[in-house]
Amino acid sequence: MRAISGLWRWRGNPLCRGTDLAEAWTALAALLLVLAAAPLAGVVIGSVAQGSLQNAVRDQQHSRHLVVATVVKKLNRVALDPDPESSTTGNAHSRVLADWTAPDGTRRHAAVLAELESPHPGDHFSVWTDAHGGLVTRPLDRATATTHAVLAGAGAAGLTGALIEGGRRLIVWRMVRRRYTRWDQAWDRAGPDWGRTGTGS
């Protein structure tokens, strides 16, 4: 709106300089670019991210398996949760030694984190594994993938708008610097004779 009001203010104004109009037109062009390019960039990047993340969701859902593990014994040291997105403040994690059978039928035995507050030998809990029984994080779900895609699109739109505004500020800064340079040159020409008799001032 500032660009449009600036153009209207200088319309037919005898005090209007070429640089004033150029600055107003630059602001208007930047505004139109932000309104057109930023949403377009957000949609394109969001769509690309959505497609890529949904492919990752399908791949992970096919390659990762939820199996039941059995507690052998509780271990003393509690490790950090390897998958923070899967935990909530209400989930208690205990480090235990456990056995489980991989999807390919092999038996596995390792220290894992169990969502059990007070695990005892023989307790059962679920773990995510690959086809050979190796521990993996839970697969990405579609809702989370969509959220990440939306955030990527919003970030791309914001970055595009910031780049356009940065370009506008750079152009205006160069205009102002050029104007000051011309003023300095004009002052240098007129300054030494300013106010003296017979100089035509």
C-alpha atoms as a PDB file:
ATOM      1  CA  MET A   1       0.000   0.000   0.000  1.00  0.00           C
ATOM      2  CA  ARG A   2       2.887   2.362   0.725  1.00  0.00           C
ATOM      3  CA  ALA A   3       4.100   1.909  -2.851  1.00  0.00           C
ATOM      4  CA  ILE A   4       0.688   2.763  -4.334  1.00  0.00           C
ATOM      5  CA  SER A   5       0.244   5.798  -2.074  1.00  0.00           C
ATOM      6  CA  GLY A   6       3.777   6.890  -2.940  1.00  0.00           C
ATOM      7  CA  LEU A   7       3.025   6.750  -6.662  1.00  0.00           C
ATOM      8  CA  TRP A   8      -0.204   8.715  -6.173  1.00  0.00           C
ATOM      9  CA  ARG A   9       1.573  11.339  -4.048  1.00  0.00           C
ATOM     10  CA  TRP A  10       4.133  12.027  -6.773  1.00  0.00           C
ATOM     11  CA  ARG A  11       1.544  12.023  -9.585  1.00  0.00           C
ATOM     12  CA  GLY A  12       1.747  15.438 -11.287  1.00  0.00           C
ATOM     13  CA  ASN A  13       3.831  16.891  -8.439  1.00  0.00           C
ATOM     14  CA  PRO A  14       6.362  19.451  -9.711  1.00  0.00           C
ATOM     15  CA  LEU A  15       8.672  18.573  -6.803  1.00  0.00           C
ATOM     16  CA  CYS A  16       8.822  14.950  -7.933  1.00  0.00           C
ATOM     17  CA  ARG A  17      12.294  13.767  -8.844  1.00  0.00           C
ATOM     18  CA  GLY A  18      13.062  10.830 -11.078  1.00  0.00           C
ATOM     19  CA  THR A  19      14.532   8.941  -8.142  1.00  0.00           C
ATOM     20  CA  ASP A  20      11.341   9.424  -6.121  1.00  0.00           C
ATOM     21  CA  LEU A  21       9.304   7.796  -8.870  1.00  0.00           C
ATOM     22  CA  ALA A  22      11.891   5.052  -9.288  1.00  0.00           C
ATOM     23  CA  GLU A  23      11.728   4.236  -5.562  1.00  0.00           C
ATOM     24  CA  ALA A  24       7.930   4.146  -5.624  1.00  0.00           C
ATOM     25  CA  TRP A  25       7.880   1.903  -8.711  1.00  0.00           C
ATOM     26  CA  THR A  26      10.489  -0.368  -7.104  1.00  0.00           C
ATOM     27  CA  ALA A  27       8.340  -0.696  -3.978  1.00  0.00           C
ATOM     28  CA  LEU A  28       5.246  -1.478  -6.061  1.00  0.00           C
ATOM     29  CA  ALA A  29       7.107  -4.063  -8.150  1.00  0.00           C
ATOM     30  CA  ALA A  30       8.454  -5.696  -4.980  1.00  0.00           C
ATOM     31  CA  LEU A  31       4.976  -5.809  -3.470  1.00  0.00           C
ATOM     32  CA  LEU A  32       3.512  -7.452  -6.574  1.00  0.00           C
ATOM     33  CA  LEU A  33       6.399  -9.922  -6.684  1.00  0.00           C
ATOM     34  CA  VAL A  34       5.869 -10.855  -3.037  1.00  0.00           C
ATOM     35  CA  LEU A  35       2.140 -11.352  -3.620  1.00  0.00           C
ATOM     36  CA  ALA A  36       2.769 -13.549  -6.671  1.00  0.00           C
ATOM     37  CA  ALA A  37       6.114 -15.290  -6.154  1.00  0.00           C
ATOM     38  CA  ALA A  38       6.000 -16.056  -2.423  1.00  0.00           C
ATOM     39  CA  PRO A  39       2.763 -18.108  -2.528  1.00  0.00           C
ATOM     40  CA  LEU A  40       3.911 -19.826  -5.728  1.00  0.00           C
ATOM     41  CA  ALA A  41       7.236 -20.788  -4.140  1.00  0.00           C
ATOM     42  CA  GLY A  42       5.412 -22.053  -1.051  1.00  0.00           C
ATOM     43  CA  VAL A  43       3.047 -24.213  -3.105  1.00  0.00           C
ATOM     44  CA  VAL A  44       5.813 -25.646  -5.302  1.00  0.00           C
ATOM     45  CA  ILE A  45       8.211 -26.433  -2.452  1.00  0.00           C
ATOM     46  CA  GLY A  46       5.387 -27.743  -0.257  1.00  0.00           C
ATOM     47  CA  SER A  47       4.165 -30.037  -3.057  1.00  0.00           C
ATOM     48  CA  VAL A  48       7.652 -31.372  -3.740  1.00  0.00           C
ATOM     49  CA  ALA A  49       8.247 -31.948  -0.027  1.00  0.00           C
ATOM     50  CA  GLN A  50       4.852 -33.625   0.339  1.00  0.00           C
ATOM     51  CA  GLY A  51       5.558 -36.037  -2.501  1.00  0.00           C
ATOM     52  CA  SER A  52       9.013 -36.894  -1.189  1.00  0.00           C
ATOM     53  CA  LEU A  53       7.853 -37.333   2.409  1.00  0.00           C
ATOM     54  CA  GLN A  54       4.847 -39.466   1.432  1.00  0.00           C
ATOM     55  CA  ASN A  55       7.195 -41.719  -0.553  1.00  0.00           C
ATOM     56  CA  ALA A  56       9.356 -41.988   2.556  1.00  0.00           C
ATOM     57  CA  VAL A  57       6.258 -42.884   4.600  1.00  0.00           C
ATOM     58  CA  ARG A  58       5.366 -45.703   2.185  1.00  0.00           C
ATOM     59  CA  ASP A  59       8.940 -47.017   2.119  1.00  0.00           C
ATOM     60  CA  GLN A  60       9.256 -46.971   5.901  1.00  0.00           C
ATOM     61  CA  GLN A  61       5.879 -48.610   6.443  1.00  0.00           C
ATOM     62  CA  HIS A  62       6.924 -51.461   4.127  1.00  0.00           C
ATOM     63  CA  SER A  63      10.437 -51.881   5.513  1.00  0.00           C
ATOM     64  CA  ARG A  64       9.824 -51.453   9.248  1.00  0.00           C
ATOM     65  CA  HIS A  65       7.968 -53.927  11.406  1.00  0.00           C
ATOM     66  CA  LEU A  66       6.441 -53.791  14.880  1.00  0.00           C
ATOM     67  CA  VAL A  67       7.446 -56.886  16.877  1.00  0.00           C
ATOM     68  CA  VAL A  68       6.929 -57.968  20.466  1.00  0.00           C
ATOM     69  CA  ALA A  69      10.026 -58.139  22.678  1.00  0.00           C
ATOM     70  CA  THR A  70      10.369 -59.843  26.045  1.00  0.00           C
ATOM     71  CA  VAL A  71      12.267 -58.355  28.978  1.00  0.00           C
ATOM     72  CA  VAL A  72      15.179 -60.504  30.145  1.00  0.00           C
ATOM     73  CA  LYS A  73      16.374 -58.117  32.835  1.00  0.00           C
ATOM     74  CA  LYS A  74      16.377 -54.442  33.682  1.00  0.00           C
ATOM     75  CA  LEU A  75      19.591 -52.497  33.161  1.00  0.00           C
ATOM     76  CA  ASN A  76      20.679 -49.756  35.540  1.00  0.00           C
ATOM     77  CA  ARG A  77      21.592 -46.911  33.194  1.00  0.00           C
ATOM     78  CA  VAL A  78      18.753 -45.132  31.382  1.00  0.00           C
ATOM     79  CA  ALA A  79      19.709 -43.942  27.885  1.00  0.00           C
ATOM     80  CA  LEU A  80      18.292 -41.066  25.883  1.00  0.00           C
ATOM     81  CA  ASP A  81      15.201 -41.756  23.806  1.00  0.00           C
ATOM     82  CA  PRO A  82      16.360 -42.413  20.209  1.00  0.00           C
ATOM     83  CA  ASP A  83      13.006 -41.285  18.804  1.00  0.00           C
ATOM     84  CA  PRO A  84      11.797 -38.146  20.644  1.00  0.00           C
ATOM     85  CA  GLU A  85       8.718 -37.838  18.382  1.00  0.00           C
ATOM     86  CA  SER A  86       7.409 -41.167  19.634  1.00  0.00           C
ATOM     87  CA  SER A  87       7.530 -40.204  23.291  1.00  0.00           C
ATOM     88  CA  THR A  88       5.343 -37.988  25.406  1.00  0.00           C
ATOM     89  CA  THR A  89       5.830 -36.618  28.868  1.00  0.00           C
ATOM     90  CA  GLY A  90       3.669 -39.447  30.188  1.00  0.00           C
ATOM     91  CA  ASN A  91       5.817 -42.229  28.723  1.00  0.00           C
ATOM     92  CA  ALA A  92       8.373 -43.784  31.081  1.00  0.00           C
ATOM     93  CA  HIS A  93      11.384 -45.372  29.387  1.00  0.00           C
ATOM     94  CA  SER A  94      13.534 -48.020  30.994  1.00  0.00           C
ATOM     95  CA  ARG A  95      16.690 -49.590  29.605  1.00  0.00           C
ATOM     96  CA  VAL A  96      16.325 -53.369  29.523  1.00  0.00           C
ATOM     97  CA  LEU A  97      17.948 -56.439  28.033  1.00  0.00           C
ATOM     98  CA  ALA A  98      15.368 -58.056  25.769  1.00  0.00           C
ATOM     99  CA  ASP A  99      14.774 -60.878  23.298  1.00  0.00           C
ATOM    100  CA  TRP A 100      12.652 -60.725  20.144  1.00  0.00           C
ATOM    101  CA  THR A 101      12.121 -62.590  16.912  1.00  0.00           C
ATOM    102  CA  ALA A 102      12.885 -60.744  13.688  1.00  0.00           C
ATOM    103  CA  PRO A 103      10.419 -60.788  10.766  1.00  0.00           C
ATOM    104  CA  ASP A 104      12.817 -63.153   8.949  1.00  0.00           C
ATOM    105  CA  GLY A 105      12.594 -65.615  11.871  1.00  0.00           C
ATOM    106  CA  THR A 106      15.996 -64.968  13.470  1.00  0.00           C
ATOM    107  CA  ARG A 107      16.264 -64.504  17.228  1.00  0.00           C
ATOM    108  CA  ARG A 108      17.701 -61.197  18.474  1.00  0.00           C
ATOM    109  CA  HIS A 109      19.047 -60.222  21.892  1.00  0.00           C
ATOM    110  CA  ALA A 110      20.080 -56.645  22.802  1.00  0.00           C
ATOM    111  CA  ALA A 111      19.751 -53.734  25.205  1.00  0.00           C
ATOM    112  CA  VAL A 112      16.808 -51.520  24.269  1.00  0.00           C
ATOM    113  CA  LEU A 113      14.564 -48.819  25.667  1.00  0.00           C
ATOM    114  CA  ALA A 114      11.182 -50.107  26.776  1.00  0.00           C
ATOM    115  CA  GLU A 115       8.108 -48.003  27.448  1.00  0.00           C
ATOM    116  CA  LEU A 116       7.713 -49.674  30.825  1.00  0.00           C
ATOM    117  CA  GLU A 117       7.818 -47.841  34.140  1.00  0.00           C
ATOM    118  CA  SER A 118       8.930 -50.847  36.224  1.00  0.00           C
ATOM    119  CA  PRO A 119       9.982 -53.650  33.880  1.00  0.00           C
ATOM    120  CA  HIS A 120      10.268 -57.212  35.176  1.00  0.00           C
ATOM    121  CA  PRO A 121      11.622 -60.316  33.441  1.00  0.00           C
ATOM    122  CA  GLY A 122       8.940 -61.746  31.185  1.00  0.00           C
ATOM    123  CA  ASP A 123       7.194 -58.427  30.520  1.00  0.00           C
ATOM    124  CA  HIS A 124       6.324 -57.755  26.888  1.00  0.00           C
ATOM    125  CA  PHE A 125       6.643 -54.516  24.922  1.00  0.00           C
ATOM    126  CA  SER A 126       6.790 -53.478  21.280  1.00  0.00           C
ATOM    127  CA  VAL A 127       9.855 -52.451  19.257  1.00  0.00           C
ATOM    128  CA  TRP A 128      10.310 -51.379  15.639  1.00  0.00           C
ATOM    129  CA  THR A 129      12.768 -53.413  13.580  1.00  0.00           C
ATOM    130  CA  ASP A 130      13.921 -53.800   9.999  1.00  0.00           C
ATOM    131  CA  ALA A 131      13.414 -57.043   8.071  1.00  0.00           C
ATOM    132  CA  HIS A 132      16.452 -58.618   9.782  1.00  0.00           C
ATOM    133  CA  GLY A 133      15.461 -57.628  13.307  1.00  0.00           C
ATOM    134  CA  GLY A 134      17.734 -54.597  13.718  1.00  0.00           C
ATOM    135  CA  LEU A 135      16.266 -51.848  15.854  1.00  0.00           C
ATOM    136  CA  VAL A 136      14.966 -48.791  13.975  1.00  0.00           C
ATOM    137  CA  THR A 137      12.855 -45.775  14.833  1.00  0.00           C
ATOM    138  CA  ARG A 138       9.126 -45.936  14.238  1.00  0.00           C
ATOM    139  CA  PRO A 139       8.061 -45.152  10.654  1.00  0.00           C
ATOM    140  CA  LEU A 140       7.016 -41.640   9.759  1.00  0.00           C
ATOM    141  CA  ASP A 141       3.234 -41.279   9.691  1.00  0.00           C
ATOM    142  CA  ARG A 142       1.284 -39.427   7.002  1.00  0.00           C
ATOM    143  CA  ALA A 143       0.045 -36.651   9.281  1.00  0.00           C
ATOM    144  CA  THR A 144       3.577 -35.810  10.441  1.00  0.00           C
ATOM    145  CA  ALA A 145       4.828 -35.891   6.843  1.00  0.00           C
ATOM    146  CA  THR A 146       2.080 -33.481   5.788  1.00  0.00           C
ATOM    147  CA  THR A 147       2.924 -31.159   8.680  1.00  0.00           C
ATOM    148  CA  HIS A 148       6.597 -31.109   7.636  1.00  0.00           C
ATOM    149  CA  ALA A 149       5.576 -30.397   4.021  1.00  0.00           C
ATOM    150  CA  VAL A 150       3.354 -27.486   5.092  1.00  0.00           C
ATOM    151  CA  LEU A 151       6.173 -26.059   7.204  1.00  0.00           C
ATOM    152  CA  ALA A 152       8.575 -26.399   4.268  1.00  0.00           C
ATOM    153  CA  GLY A 153       6.132 -24.555   2.000  1.00  0.00           C
ATOM    154  CA  ALA A 154       5.584 -21.794   4.557  1.00  0.00           C
ATOM    155  CA  GLY A 155       9.333 -21.449   5.043  1.00  0.00           C
ATOM    156  CA  ALA A 156       9.898 -21.233   1.282  1.00  0.00           C
ATOM    157  CA  ALA A 157       7.209 -18.548   0.954  1.00  0.00           C
ATOM    158  CA  GLY A 158       8.695 -16.553   3.820  1.00  0.00           C
ATOM    159  CA  LEU A 159      12.225 -16.869   2.438  1.00  0.00           C
ATOM    160  CA  THR A 160      11.073 -15.761  -1.019  1.00  0.00           C
ATOM    161  CA  GLY A 161       9.363 -12.711   0.458  1.00  0.00           C
ATOM    162  CA  ALA A 162      12.466 -11.887   2.506  1.00  0.00           C
ATOM    163  CA  LEU A 163      14.719 -12.170  -0.557  1.00  0.00           C
ATOM    164  CA  ILE A 164      12.464  -9.891  -2.602  1.00  0.00           C
ATOM    165  CA  GLU A 165      12.336  -7.330   0.208  1.00  0.00           C
ATOM    166  CA  GLY A 166      16.109  -7.567   0.587  1.00  0.00           C
ATOM    167  CA  GLY A 167      16.503  -6.933  -3.140  1.00  0.00           C
ATOM    168  CA  ARG A 168      14.193  -3.913  -2.927  1.00  0.00           C
ATOM    169  CA  ARG A 169      16.151  -2.462  -0.013  1.00  0.00           C
ATOM    170  CA  LEU A 170      19.427  -2.987  -1.867  1.00  0.00           C
ATOM    171  CA  ILE A 171      18.098  -1.226  -4.991  1.00  0.00           C
ATOM    172  CA  VAL A 172      16.762   1.704  -2.962  1.00  0.00           C
ATOM    173  CA  TRP A 173      20.047   1.939  -1.021  1.00  0.00           C
ATOM    174  CA  ARG A 174      21.973   2.169  -4.294  1.00  0.00           C
ATOM    175  CA  MET A 175      19.570   4.836  -5.561  1.00  0.00           C
ATOM    176  CA  VAL A 176      20.045   6.887  -2.403  1.00  0.00           C
ATOM    177  CA  ARG A 177      23.828   6.517  -2.577  1.00  0.00           C
ATOM    178  CA  ARG A 178      23.797   7.665  -6.219  1.00  0.00           C
ATOM    179  CA  ARG A 179      21.581  10.636  -5.302  1.00  0.00           C
ATOM    180  CA  TYR A 180      23.927  11.672  -2.481  1.00  0.00           C
ATOM    181  CA  THR A 181      26.893  11.374  -4.830  1.00  0.00           C
ATOM    182  CA  ARG A 182      25.226  13.683  -7.348  1.00  0.00           C
ATOM    183  CA  TRP A 183      24.370  16.147  -4.589  1.00  0.00           C
ATOM    184  CA  ASP A 184      27.990  16.141  -3.426  1.00  0.00           C
ATOM    185  CA  GLN A 185      29.181  16.758  -6.972  1.00  0.00           C
ATOM    186  CA  ALA A 186      26.712  19.627  -7.444  1.00  0.00           C
ATOM    187  CA  TRP A 187      27.726  21.134  -4.116  1.00  0.00           C
ATOM    188  CA  ASP A 188      31.397  20.892  -5.043  1.00  0.00           C
ATOM    189  CA  ARG A 189      30.689  22.812  -8.234  1.00  0.00           C
ATOM    190  CA  ALA A 190      28.569  25.499  -6.582  1.00  0.00           C
ATOM    191  CA  GLY A 191      30.052  25.562  -3.086  1.00  0.00           C
ATOM    192  CA  PRO A 192      33.280  27.592  -3.585  1.00  0.00           C
ATOM    193  CA  ASP A 193      31.367  30.524  -5.195  1.00  0.00           C
ATOM    194  CA  TRP A 194      28.263  30.302  -3.037  1.00  0.00           C
ATOM    195  CA  GLY A 195      27.030  33.771  -2.056  1.00  0.00           C
ATOM    196  CA  ARG A 196      29.846  35.740  -3.663  1.00  0.00           C
ATOM    197  CA  THR A 197      29.047  38.924  -5.624  1.00  0.00           C
ATOM    198  CA  GLY A 198      29.032  38.485  -9.372  1.00  0.00           C
ATOM    199  CA  THR A 199      28.768  34.702  -9.352  1.00  0.00           C
ATOM    200  CA  GLY A 200      25.121  34.748 -10.396  1.00  0.00           C
ATOM    201  CA  SER A 201      23.864  33.304  -7.113  1.00  0.00           C
END
